[in-house]
N, C-alpha and C. Protein backbone atom coordinates (compact mmCIF):
# COMPACT_ATOMS: atom_id res chain seq x y z
N MET A 1 29.61 9.35 -44.62
CA MET A 1 28.69 10.37 -45.80
C MET A 1 29.37 10.87 -46.77
N LYS A 2 30.50 11.25 -46.48
CA LYS A 2 31.58 11.80 -47.54
C LYS A 2 31.87 10.67 -48.52
N SER A 3 32.26 9.57 -48.08
CA SER A 3 32.36 8.50 -49.04
C SER A 3 31.29 7.86 -49.92
N THR A 4 29.94 8.09 -49.30
CA THR A 4 28.79 7.87 -50.02
C THR A 4 28.73 8.87 -50.96
N THR A 5 28.76 10.16 -50.84
CA THR A 5 28.68 11.16 -51.93
C THR A 5 29.90 11.00 -53.05
N ARG A 6 31.03 10.52 -52.69
CA ARG A 6 32.03 10.30 -53.72
C ARG A 6 31.63 9.28 -54.32
N THR A 7 31.10 8.10 -53.73
CA THR A 7 30.76 6.87 -54.67
C THR A 7 29.68 7.25 -55.59
N TRP A 8 28.82 8.14 -55.26
CA TRP A 8 27.66 8.61 -56.27
C TRP A 8 28.15 9.38 -57.10
N SER A 9 28.97 10.10 -56.87
CA SER A 9 29.70 11.16 -57.99
C SER A 9 30.54 10.27 -58.92
N MET A 10 31.26 9.46 -58.51
CA MET A 10 32.06 8.25 -59.43
C MET A 10 31.01 7.66 -60.38
N LEU A 11 30.26 7.20 -59.83
CA LEU A 11 28.93 6.50 -60.46
C LEU A 11 28.48 7.52 -61.77
N LEU A 12 28.13 8.52 -61.16
CA LEU A 12 27.55 9.45 -62.17
C LEU A 12 28.43 9.59 -63.29
N ALA A 13 29.45 9.93 -62.93
CA ALA A 13 30.55 10.18 -63.84
C ALA A 13 30.94 9.06 -64.85
N THR A 14 30.94 7.89 -64.32
CA THR A 14 31.17 6.96 -65.08
C THR A 14 29.92 6.56 -66.14
N LEU A 15 28.66 6.81 -65.67
CA LEU A 15 27.75 6.78 -66.50
C LEU A 15 27.75 7.67 -67.69
N ALA A 16 28.09 9.02 -67.25
CA ALA A 16 28.21 10.16 -68.21
C ALA A 16 29.18 9.56 -69.20
N ILE A 17 30.49 9.11 -68.81
CA ILE A 17 31.39 9.02 -69.77
C ILE A 17 31.00 7.55 -70.72
N GLY A 18 30.23 6.70 -69.98
CA GLY A 18 29.81 5.57 -70.51
C GLY A 18 29.05 5.91 -71.87
N SER A 19 28.09 6.81 -71.71
CA SER A 19 27.08 7.10 -72.46
C SER A 19 27.56 7.60 -73.68
N THR A 20 28.78 8.36 -73.67
CA THR A 20 29.30 8.67 -75.01
C THR A 20 30.54 7.82 -75.54
N ALA A 21 31.06 7.24 -74.61
CA ALA A 21 32.41 6.22 -74.88
C ALA A 21 31.97 5.16 -75.68
N PHE A 22 30.53 4.74 -75.63
CA PHE A 22 30.10 3.55 -76.28
C PHE A 22 29.28 4.04 -77.61
N GLY A 23 29.23 5.20 -77.78
CA GLY A 23 28.50 5.73 -78.97
C GLY A 23 27.11 5.91 -78.79
N HIS A 24 26.68 5.89 -77.61
CA HIS A 24 25.18 5.92 -77.19
C HIS A 24 24.88 7.69 -76.90
N TYR A 25 25.34 8.48 -77.66
CA TYR A 25 25.02 9.82 -77.67
C TYR A 25 23.85 10.34 -78.41
N HIS A 26 22.80 11.06 -77.66
CA HIS A 26 21.67 11.51 -78.35
C HIS A 26 21.77 12.87 -78.36
N PRO A 27 22.12 13.52 -79.69
CA PRO A 27 21.98 14.81 -79.60
C PRO A 27 20.47 15.57 -79.18
N PRO A 28 20.62 16.84 -78.83
CA PRO A 28 19.05 17.21 -78.37
C PRO A 28 18.21 17.91 -79.35
N HIS A 29 18.25 17.20 -80.63
CA HIS A 29 17.46 17.42 -81.64
C HIS A 29 16.23 17.08 -81.68
N ALA A 30 15.13 17.70 -82.17
CA ALA A 30 13.69 17.22 -82.23
C ALA A 30 13.75 16.21 -83.07
N ASP A 31 14.46 16.24 -84.24
CA ASP A 31 14.28 15.22 -85.27
C ASP A 31 14.62 13.86 -84.78
N ILE A 32 15.99 13.99 -84.10
CA ILE A 32 16.59 12.71 -83.41
C ILE A 32 15.37 12.16 -82.34
N THR A 33 14.92 12.98 -81.45
CA THR A 33 14.13 12.64 -80.47
C THR A 33 12.93 11.99 -81.14
N THR A 34 12.27 12.36 -82.00
CA THR A 34 11.15 11.92 -82.90
C THR A 34 11.65 10.49 -83.51
N ALA A 35 12.64 10.31 -84.05
CA ALA A 35 13.15 9.20 -84.70
C ALA A 35 13.30 8.13 -83.61
N GLU A 36 13.84 8.47 -82.66
CA GLU A 36 14.16 7.50 -81.48
C GLU A 36 12.63 7.00 -80.96
N LEU A 37 12.01 7.75 -80.83
CA LEU A 37 10.46 7.52 -80.16
C LEU A 37 9.87 6.50 -81.24
N GLU A 38 10.03 6.86 -82.57
CA GLU A 38 9.36 5.95 -83.44
C GLU A 38 9.99 4.74 -83.65
N ILE A 39 11.15 4.61 -83.60
CA ILE A 39 11.89 3.37 -83.60
C ILE A 39 11.69 2.41 -82.29
N ARG A 40 11.56 2.99 -81.24
CA ARG A 40 11.23 2.40 -80.08
C ARG A 40 9.85 1.92 -80.20
N ASN A 41 8.78 2.49 -80.61
CA ASN A 41 7.44 2.05 -81.04
C ASN A 41 7.53 0.82 -81.98
N LYS A 42 8.31 0.74 -82.83
CA LYS A 42 8.31 -0.21 -84.07
C LYS A 42 9.05 -1.43 -83.07
N ILE A 43 9.90 -1.27 -82.35
CA ILE A 43 10.15 -2.44 -81.56
C ILE A 43 9.31 -3.18 -80.79
N SER A 44 8.49 -2.19 -80.14
CA SER A 44 7.40 -2.84 -79.18
C SER A 44 6.31 -3.37 -80.11
N LEU A 45 5.88 -2.80 -81.48
CA LEU A 45 5.06 -2.98 -82.35
C LEU A 45 5.42 -4.60 -82.76
N TYR A 46 6.43 -4.82 -83.07
CA TYR A 46 7.06 -6.29 -83.27
C TYR A 46 6.30 -7.12 -82.41
N THR A 47 6.75 -7.06 -81.03
CA THR A 47 6.19 -8.03 -80.03
C THR A 47 4.72 -8.08 -79.94
N LEU A 48 4.07 -6.83 -80.19
CA LEU A 48 2.71 -7.06 -80.14
C LEU A 48 2.05 -7.84 -81.30
N ALA A 49 2.56 -7.66 -82.53
CA ALA A 49 2.32 -8.21 -83.87
C ALA A 49 2.37 -9.76 -83.76
N LEU A 50 3.54 -10.24 -82.83
CA LEU A 50 3.65 -11.60 -82.76
C LEU A 50 2.92 -12.20 -81.93
N ASP A 51 2.40 -11.53 -80.61
CA ASP A 51 1.57 -12.24 -79.60
C ASP A 51 0.12 -12.14 -80.18
N ALA A 52 -0.25 -11.07 -81.14
CA ALA A 52 -1.71 -11.15 -81.69
C ALA A 52 -1.86 -11.85 -82.84
N LYS A 53 -0.61 -12.46 -83.29
CA LYS A 53 -0.75 -13.15 -84.58
C LYS A 53 -1.00 -12.37 -85.62
N ASP A 54 -0.76 -11.11 -85.68
CA ASP A 54 -1.03 -10.29 -86.74
C ASP A 54 0.14 -9.68 -87.50
N TYR A 55 0.44 -10.68 -88.51
CA TYR A 55 1.95 -10.51 -89.22
C TYR A 55 1.79 -9.60 -90.05
N ARG A 56 0.65 -8.82 -90.72
CA ARG A 56 0.82 -7.71 -91.47
C ARG A 56 1.30 -6.63 -90.80
N LEU A 57 1.22 -6.54 -89.52
CA LEU A 57 1.68 -5.30 -88.76
C LEU A 57 3.29 -5.27 -88.83
N LEU A 58 3.93 -6.42 -89.10
CA LEU A 58 5.23 -6.48 -89.63
C LEU A 58 5.71 -5.46 -90.59
N GLU A 59 4.88 -5.06 -91.64
CA GLU A 59 4.95 -4.26 -92.57
C GLU A 59 5.46 -2.81 -92.10
N GLU A 60 4.95 -2.65 -90.83
CA GLU A 60 5.24 -1.35 -90.22
C GLU A 60 6.67 -1.25 -89.50
N VAL A 61 7.19 -2.57 -89.55
CA VAL A 61 8.44 -2.80 -88.66
C VAL A 61 9.84 -2.99 -89.59
N PHE A 62 9.71 -3.79 -90.74
CA PHE A 62 10.68 -4.16 -91.43
C PHE A 62 10.48 -3.58 -92.80
N THR A 63 11.74 -3.25 -93.41
CA THR A 63 11.72 -3.10 -94.93
C THR A 63 11.07 -4.41 -95.76
N THR A 64 10.96 -4.17 -97.01
CA THR A 64 10.44 -5.02 -97.91
C THR A 64 11.46 -6.14 -98.13
N ASP A 65 12.52 -5.45 -98.10
CA ASP A 65 13.98 -6.50 -98.46
C ASP A 65 14.72 -6.59 -97.24
N THR A 66 14.29 -6.52 -96.09
CA THR A 66 14.69 -6.78 -94.60
C THR A 66 15.61 -8.09 -94.71
N VAL A 67 16.57 -8.39 -93.76
CA VAL A 67 17.39 -9.49 -93.60
C VAL A 67 17.13 -9.63 -91.96
N VAL A 68 16.94 -10.89 -91.69
CA VAL A 68 16.41 -11.22 -90.35
C VAL A 68 17.04 -12.41 -89.95
N ASP A 69 18.17 -12.45 -88.85
CA ASP A 69 18.75 -13.75 -88.38
C ASP A 69 18.14 -13.95 -87.12
N TYR A 70 17.55 -15.01 -86.95
CA TYR A 70 17.05 -15.50 -85.59
C TYR A 70 17.84 -16.45 -84.92
N SER A 71 19.38 -16.49 -85.28
CA SER A 71 20.28 -17.30 -84.62
C SER A 71 20.40 -18.67 -85.43
N THR A 72 19.31 -19.30 -85.47
CA THR A 72 19.28 -20.50 -86.27
C THR A 72 18.94 -20.60 -87.70
N THR A 73 18.05 -19.33 -87.98
CA THR A 73 17.63 -19.35 -89.35
C THR A 73 17.82 -17.69 -89.87
N ARG A 74 18.35 -17.81 -91.06
CA ARG A 74 18.55 -16.37 -91.51
C ARG A 74 17.33 -16.34 -92.83
N LEU A 75 16.78 -15.26 -92.87
CA LEU A 75 15.56 -14.74 -93.57
C LEU A 75 15.76 -13.62 -94.65
N SER A 76 15.53 -13.60 -95.70
CA SER A 76 15.59 -12.60 -96.62
C SER A 76 14.26 -12.04 -97.24
N GLY A 77 13.66 -10.97 -96.86
CA GLY A 77 12.53 -10.16 -97.43
C GLY A 77 11.57 -10.44 -96.41
N LEU A 78 10.70 -9.42 -96.29
CA LEU A 78 9.37 -9.33 -95.51
C LEU A 78 8.58 -10.52 -95.57
N PRO A 79 8.16 -11.07 -96.73
CA PRO A 79 7.18 -12.25 -96.82
C PRO A 79 7.88 -13.34 -96.26
N ALA A 80 9.23 -13.46 -96.34
CA ALA A 80 9.67 -14.82 -95.53
C ALA A 80 9.84 -14.58 -94.03
N VAL A 81 10.01 -13.26 -93.59
CA VAL A 81 9.60 -13.21 -92.13
C VAL A 81 8.36 -13.53 -91.62
N GLN A 82 7.37 -13.28 -92.26
CA GLN A 82 5.96 -13.25 -92.04
C GLN A 82 5.43 -14.65 -92.08
N ALA A 83 5.98 -15.41 -93.09
CA ALA A 83 5.57 -16.86 -93.02
C ALA A 83 6.31 -17.65 -92.01
N TYR A 84 7.70 -17.23 -91.95
CA TYR A 84 8.18 -17.98 -90.65
C TYR A 84 7.91 -17.89 -89.36
N VAL A 85 7.35 -16.53 -88.92
CA VAL A 85 7.04 -16.33 -87.60
C VAL A 85 5.56 -17.04 -87.58
N ASN A 86 4.77 -17.19 -88.69
CA ASN A 86 3.40 -17.72 -88.70
C ASN A 86 3.64 -19.12 -88.33
N LYS A 87 4.53 -19.63 -89.08
CA LYS A 87 4.71 -21.08 -88.84
C LYS A 87 5.23 -21.40 -87.49
N GLN A 88 6.23 -20.64 -87.03
CA GLN A 88 6.83 -20.98 -85.60
C GLN A 88 5.97 -20.57 -84.49
N LEU A 89 4.84 -19.81 -84.58
CA LEU A 89 4.11 -19.56 -83.39
C LEU A 89 2.62 -19.83 -83.56
N TRP A 90 2.19 -20.59 -84.62
CA TRP A 90 0.98 -20.91 -84.96
C TRP A 90 0.56 -21.83 -83.85
N GLY A 91 -0.78 -21.64 -83.31
CA GLY A 91 -1.36 -22.29 -82.22
C GLY A 91 -0.60 -22.17 -80.77
N LEU A 92 0.28 -21.24 -80.79
CA LEU A 92 1.00 -21.21 -79.37
C LEU A 92 0.41 -19.78 -78.57
N VAL A 93 0.42 -19.62 -77.38
CA VAL A 93 0.21 -18.33 -76.59
C VAL A 93 1.49 -17.98 -76.10
N THR A 94 1.66 -16.82 -76.52
CA THR A 94 2.79 -16.11 -76.19
C THR A 94 2.59 -14.67 -75.69
N GLN A 95 3.59 -14.24 -74.88
CA GLN A 95 4.10 -12.99 -74.39
C GLN A 95 5.67 -12.51 -74.67
N HIS A 96 5.83 -11.76 -75.76
CA HIS A 96 7.20 -11.35 -75.83
C HIS A 96 7.22 -10.03 -75.27
N THR A 97 8.28 -9.86 -74.47
CA THR A 97 8.65 -8.62 -73.67
C THR A 97 10.06 -7.94 -74.20
N ILE A 98 10.08 -6.79 -74.58
CA ILE A 98 11.09 -6.13 -74.60
C ILE A 98 11.50 -4.98 -73.48
N SER A 99 12.84 -5.12 -73.34
CA SER A 99 13.39 -4.22 -72.29
C SER A 99 14.80 -3.87 -72.72
N SER A 100 15.40 -2.84 -71.89
CA SER A 100 16.75 -2.24 -71.85
C SER A 100 16.94 -1.94 -73.44
N THR A 101 16.46 -1.01 -73.83
CA THR A 101 16.37 -0.58 -75.30
C THR A 101 17.30 0.62 -75.48
N VAL A 102 18.42 0.60 -76.30
CA VAL A 102 19.26 1.57 -76.60
C VAL A 102 18.91 1.92 -78.28
N VAL A 103 18.81 3.19 -78.40
CA VAL A 103 18.89 3.72 -79.82
C VAL A 103 20.02 4.53 -80.12
N ASP A 104 20.87 3.98 -80.82
CA ASP A 104 22.26 4.90 -81.29
C ASP A 104 22.41 5.50 -82.43
N PHE A 105 22.69 6.71 -82.27
CA PHE A 105 22.69 7.50 -83.56
C PHE A 105 24.24 7.93 -83.92
N GLY A 106 24.94 7.57 -83.02
CA GLY A 106 26.58 7.98 -83.03
C GLY A 106 27.03 8.87 -82.42
N ARG A 107 28.08 9.36 -82.20
CA ARG A 107 28.69 10.38 -81.54
C ARG A 107 28.57 11.75 -82.22
N PRO A 108 28.59 13.04 -81.47
CA PRO A 108 28.46 14.33 -82.19
C PRO A 108 29.38 14.23 -83.25
N GLY A 109 28.92 14.79 -84.28
CA GLY A 109 30.01 14.99 -85.57
C GLY A 109 30.00 13.74 -86.39
N GLN A 110 29.68 12.59 -85.86
CA GLN A 110 29.88 11.28 -86.36
C GLN A 110 28.37 10.43 -86.48
N GLN A 111 27.40 11.16 -86.61
CA GLN A 111 26.02 10.62 -86.51
C GLN A 111 25.85 9.54 -87.76
N HIS A 112 24.97 8.53 -87.60
CA HIS A 112 24.90 7.54 -88.69
C HIS A 112 23.59 7.20 -88.50
N ALA A 113 23.02 6.32 -89.48
CA ALA A 113 21.64 5.76 -89.54
C ALA A 113 21.66 5.07 -88.03
N PRO A 114 20.48 5.12 -87.33
CA PRO A 114 20.32 4.59 -86.04
C PRO A 114 20.42 3.14 -86.11
N ASN A 115 20.96 2.43 -85.11
CA ASN A 115 21.18 1.33 -84.69
C ASN A 115 20.40 1.10 -83.33
N SER A 116 19.79 -0.13 -83.01
CA SER A 116 19.33 -0.49 -81.71
C SER A 116 19.50 -1.80 -81.43
N THR A 117 19.52 -1.84 -80.00
CA THR A 117 19.74 -2.95 -79.12
C THR A 117 18.77 -3.03 -78.16
N ALA A 118 18.05 -4.17 -78.13
CA ALA A 118 16.78 -4.33 -77.14
C ALA A 118 16.97 -5.91 -76.39
N TYR A 119 16.72 -6.10 -75.25
CA TYR A 119 16.86 -7.26 -74.70
C TYR A 119 15.15 -7.80 -74.76
N LEU A 120 15.25 -9.06 -74.62
CA LEU A 120 14.04 -9.89 -75.02
C LEU A 120 13.69 -10.90 -74.23
N VAL A 121 12.57 -11.25 -73.75
CA VAL A 121 12.10 -12.22 -73.02
C VAL A 121 10.94 -12.73 -73.83
N ALA A 122 10.87 -14.05 -74.47
CA ALA A 122 9.60 -14.50 -75.02
C ALA A 122 9.19 -15.50 -73.93
N ASN A 123 7.93 -15.51 -73.62
CA ASN A 123 7.27 -16.39 -72.72
C ASN A 123 6.29 -17.16 -73.69
N TYR A 124 6.32 -18.32 -73.50
CA TYR A 124 5.39 -19.54 -74.41
C TYR A 124 4.78 -20.27 -73.31
N PHE A 125 3.40 -20.15 -73.24
CA PHE A 125 2.55 -20.74 -72.24
C PHE A 125 1.87 -22.02 -72.75
N GLY A 126 1.85 -23.03 -71.76
CA GLY A 126 1.42 -24.24 -71.86
C GLY A 126 -0.01 -24.32 -72.07
N GLN A 127 -0.70 -25.04 -72.93
CA GLN A 127 -2.22 -25.30 -73.03
C GLN A 127 -2.71 -26.52 -72.74
N GLY A 128 -3.97 -27.00 -72.74
CA GLY A 128 -4.36 -28.29 -72.71
C GLY A 128 -3.75 -28.94 -71.45
N ASN A 129 -3.10 -30.05 -71.87
CA ASN A 129 -2.48 -30.91 -70.59
C ASN A 129 -1.11 -30.25 -70.20
N LEU A 130 -0.75 -29.15 -70.81
CA LEU A 130 0.53 -28.41 -70.52
C LEU A 130 0.07 -27.17 -69.55
N THR A 131 -1.08 -26.96 -69.62
CA THR A 131 -1.42 -25.65 -68.84
C THR A 131 -0.54 -25.40 -67.45
N GLY A 132 -0.34 -24.23 -67.35
CA GLY A 132 0.64 -23.96 -66.12
C GLY A 132 1.95 -23.97 -66.21
N GLN A 133 2.61 -24.55 -67.39
CA GLN A 133 3.83 -24.82 -67.61
C GLN A 133 4.34 -23.73 -68.65
N THR A 134 5.62 -23.15 -68.69
CA THR A 134 6.10 -22.17 -69.56
C THR A 134 7.56 -22.53 -70.18
N LEU A 135 7.45 -21.90 -71.02
CA LEU A 135 8.95 -22.10 -71.82
C LEU A 135 9.44 -20.66 -72.11
N LEU A 136 10.67 -20.20 -71.75
CA LEU A 136 11.09 -18.98 -71.88
C LEU A 136 12.53 -19.03 -72.76
N PHE A 137 12.47 -17.97 -73.42
CA PHE A 137 13.60 -17.76 -74.22
C PHE A 137 14.06 -16.23 -74.08
N TYR A 138 15.50 -16.09 -73.85
CA TYR A 138 16.12 -14.91 -73.49
C TYR A 138 17.19 -14.50 -74.46
N GLY A 139 17.00 -13.30 -75.03
CA GLY A 139 17.87 -12.97 -75.84
C GLY A 139 18.07 -11.31 -76.23
N ARG A 140 18.96 -11.29 -77.28
CA ARG A 140 19.11 -9.57 -77.50
C ARG A 140 18.62 -9.46 -79.06
N TYR A 141 18.01 -8.44 -79.45
CA TYR A 141 17.83 -7.95 -80.72
C TYR A 141 18.79 -6.98 -81.20
N THR A 142 19.38 -6.76 -82.26
CA THR A 142 20.02 -5.74 -82.60
C THR A 142 19.36 -5.44 -84.01
N ASP A 143 19.24 -4.14 -84.30
CA ASP A 143 18.69 -3.85 -85.73
C ASP A 143 19.30 -2.63 -86.34
N GLN A 144 19.42 -2.58 -87.57
CA GLN A 144 19.63 -1.35 -88.41
C GLN A 144 18.56 -0.74 -89.01
N TRP A 145 18.41 0.59 -88.76
CA TRP A 145 17.29 1.23 -89.24
C TRP A 145 17.40 2.14 -90.52
N VAL A 146 16.41 2.32 -91.24
CA VAL A 146 16.41 3.11 -92.34
C VAL A 146 15.13 3.64 -92.74
N ILE A 147 15.01 4.61 -93.52
CA ILE A 147 13.56 5.28 -93.66
C ILE A 147 13.25 4.73 -95.06
N GLU A 148 12.02 4.10 -94.80
CA GLU A 148 11.31 3.59 -96.23
C GLU A 148 9.93 3.82 -96.22
N ALA A 149 9.58 4.53 -97.38
CA ALA A 149 8.13 4.99 -97.45
C ALA A 149 7.79 5.88 -96.23
N GLY A 150 8.94 6.91 -95.89
CA GLY A 150 8.61 8.11 -94.98
C GLY A 150 8.54 7.49 -93.59
N SER A 151 8.80 6.34 -93.19
CA SER A 151 8.82 5.61 -91.83
C SER A 151 10.19 4.89 -91.67
N TRP A 152 10.52 5.03 -90.27
CA TRP A 152 11.81 4.20 -89.79
C TRP A 152 11.28 2.64 -89.89
N LYS A 153 12.16 1.95 -90.61
CA LYS A 153 12.04 0.43 -90.66
C LYS A 153 13.33 -0.57 -90.31
N SER A 154 13.19 -1.34 -89.96
CA SER A 154 14.55 -2.16 -89.64
C SER A 154 14.68 -2.94 -90.99
N LYS A 155 15.96 -2.73 -91.36
CA LYS A 155 16.67 -3.26 -92.65
C LYS A 155 17.19 -4.43 -92.38
N ASN A 156 17.79 -4.51 -91.09
CA ASN A 156 18.61 -5.89 -90.60
C ASN A 156 18.22 -6.10 -88.95
N ARG A 157 17.88 -7.35 -88.75
CA ARG A 157 17.71 -7.59 -87.50
C ARG A 157 18.59 -9.03 -87.21
N THR A 158 19.06 -8.95 -86.06
CA THR A 158 19.86 -10.08 -85.49
C THR A 158 19.49 -10.41 -84.20
N LEU A 159 18.88 -11.78 -83.78
CA LEU A 159 18.61 -12.15 -82.48
C LEU A 159 19.77 -13.06 -81.97
N ARG A 160 20.11 -12.88 -80.86
CA ARG A 160 21.28 -13.84 -80.13
C ARG A 160 20.74 -14.06 -78.70
N PHE A 161 20.80 -15.28 -78.37
CA PHE A 161 20.16 -15.73 -77.13
C PHE A 161 21.20 -15.77 -76.12
N PHE A 162 20.69 -15.38 -75.09
CA PHE A 162 21.50 -15.46 -73.97
C PHE A 162 21.50 -16.54 -72.99
N PRO A 163 22.54 -16.95 -72.42
CA PRO A 163 22.42 -18.19 -71.36
C PRO A 163 21.44 -17.88 -70.44
N PRO A 164 20.48 -18.65 -70.01
CA PRO A 164 20.60 -20.17 -70.61
C PRO A 164 19.87 -20.33 -72.09
N GLY A 165 19.61 -19.28 -72.69
CA GLY A 165 18.94 -19.38 -74.02
C GLY A 165 17.45 -19.71 -73.88
N VAL A 166 17.18 -20.93 -73.48
CA VAL A 166 15.81 -21.51 -73.37
C VAL A 166 15.78 -22.23 -72.07
N SER A 167 14.60 -21.84 -71.38
CA SER A 167 14.42 -22.52 -69.86
C SER A 167 12.92 -22.85 -69.80
N GLY A 168 12.82 -24.09 -69.52
CA GLY A 168 11.29 -24.42 -69.45
C GLY A 168 11.10 -25.68 -70.13
N ASN A 169 9.62 -26.00 -70.48
CA ASN A 169 9.39 -27.30 -71.05
C ASN A 169 9.17 -27.20 -72.62
N LEU A 170 10.21 -27.50 -73.18
CA LEU A 170 10.17 -27.60 -74.73
C LEU A 170 8.68 -28.29 -75.18
N ALA A 171 8.21 -29.35 -74.53
CA ALA A 171 7.09 -29.99 -75.20
C ALA A 171 6.13 -28.92 -75.50
N ILE A 172 6.09 -27.77 -74.96
CA ILE A 172 5.04 -26.74 -75.26
C ILE A 172 5.21 -26.22 -76.94
N LEU A 173 6.25 -26.41 -77.48
CA LEU A 173 6.45 -26.24 -78.85
C LEU A 173 5.85 -27.24 -79.77
N ASP A 174 5.87 -28.48 -79.10
CA ASP A 174 5.26 -29.62 -80.11
C ASP A 174 3.82 -29.68 -79.72
N ASP A 175 3.24 -29.51 -78.77
CA ASP A 175 1.88 -29.78 -78.46
C ASP A 175 0.85 -28.58 -78.81
N ARG A 176 0.34 -28.70 -80.09
CA ARG A 176 -0.34 -27.71 -80.49
C ARG A 176 -1.67 -28.30 -81.02
N SER A 177 -2.20 -29.18 -80.21
CA SER A 177 -3.56 -29.86 -80.53
C SER A 177 -4.59 -29.29 -80.02
N TYR A 178 -4.53 -28.35 -78.93
CA TYR A 178 -5.82 -27.83 -78.32
C TYR A 178 -6.62 -27.01 -79.09
């Protein structure tokens, strides 16, 4: 019992130290809490826009001069991002899931414009003769946020894939005849 209590105490102490040691301190100010909530909602809105194929919603997520690095393709400007995702996702049934999101405003006395990190799993579902098959992408988005037109928007986004990166049937990307 005593060793269990000590283990939990050590774990909690490690988490407390880790939350500030890596710059993930969130001052208890209403403006930062509101900004964090807005940023988290924008991260989620991005995935909803992709799955609904409503790329106008990306105007709420990215600045007009955003730079997005999708690991294999680097895009400049919101229209380029909208055209790219439209081309990549046309005819596909997808579900993008965001998890493990951290919004970082810096340490006390060293606050900066927020950055975020969020894990991604993108599910692509086979249709037609590929029904029941899936293709999964695993990765991490990092964003730098600024205020544009009174709203938090991503000025820079980077996607990096985790191993295995892609898992499943790649033919799903080629078969859009349904």
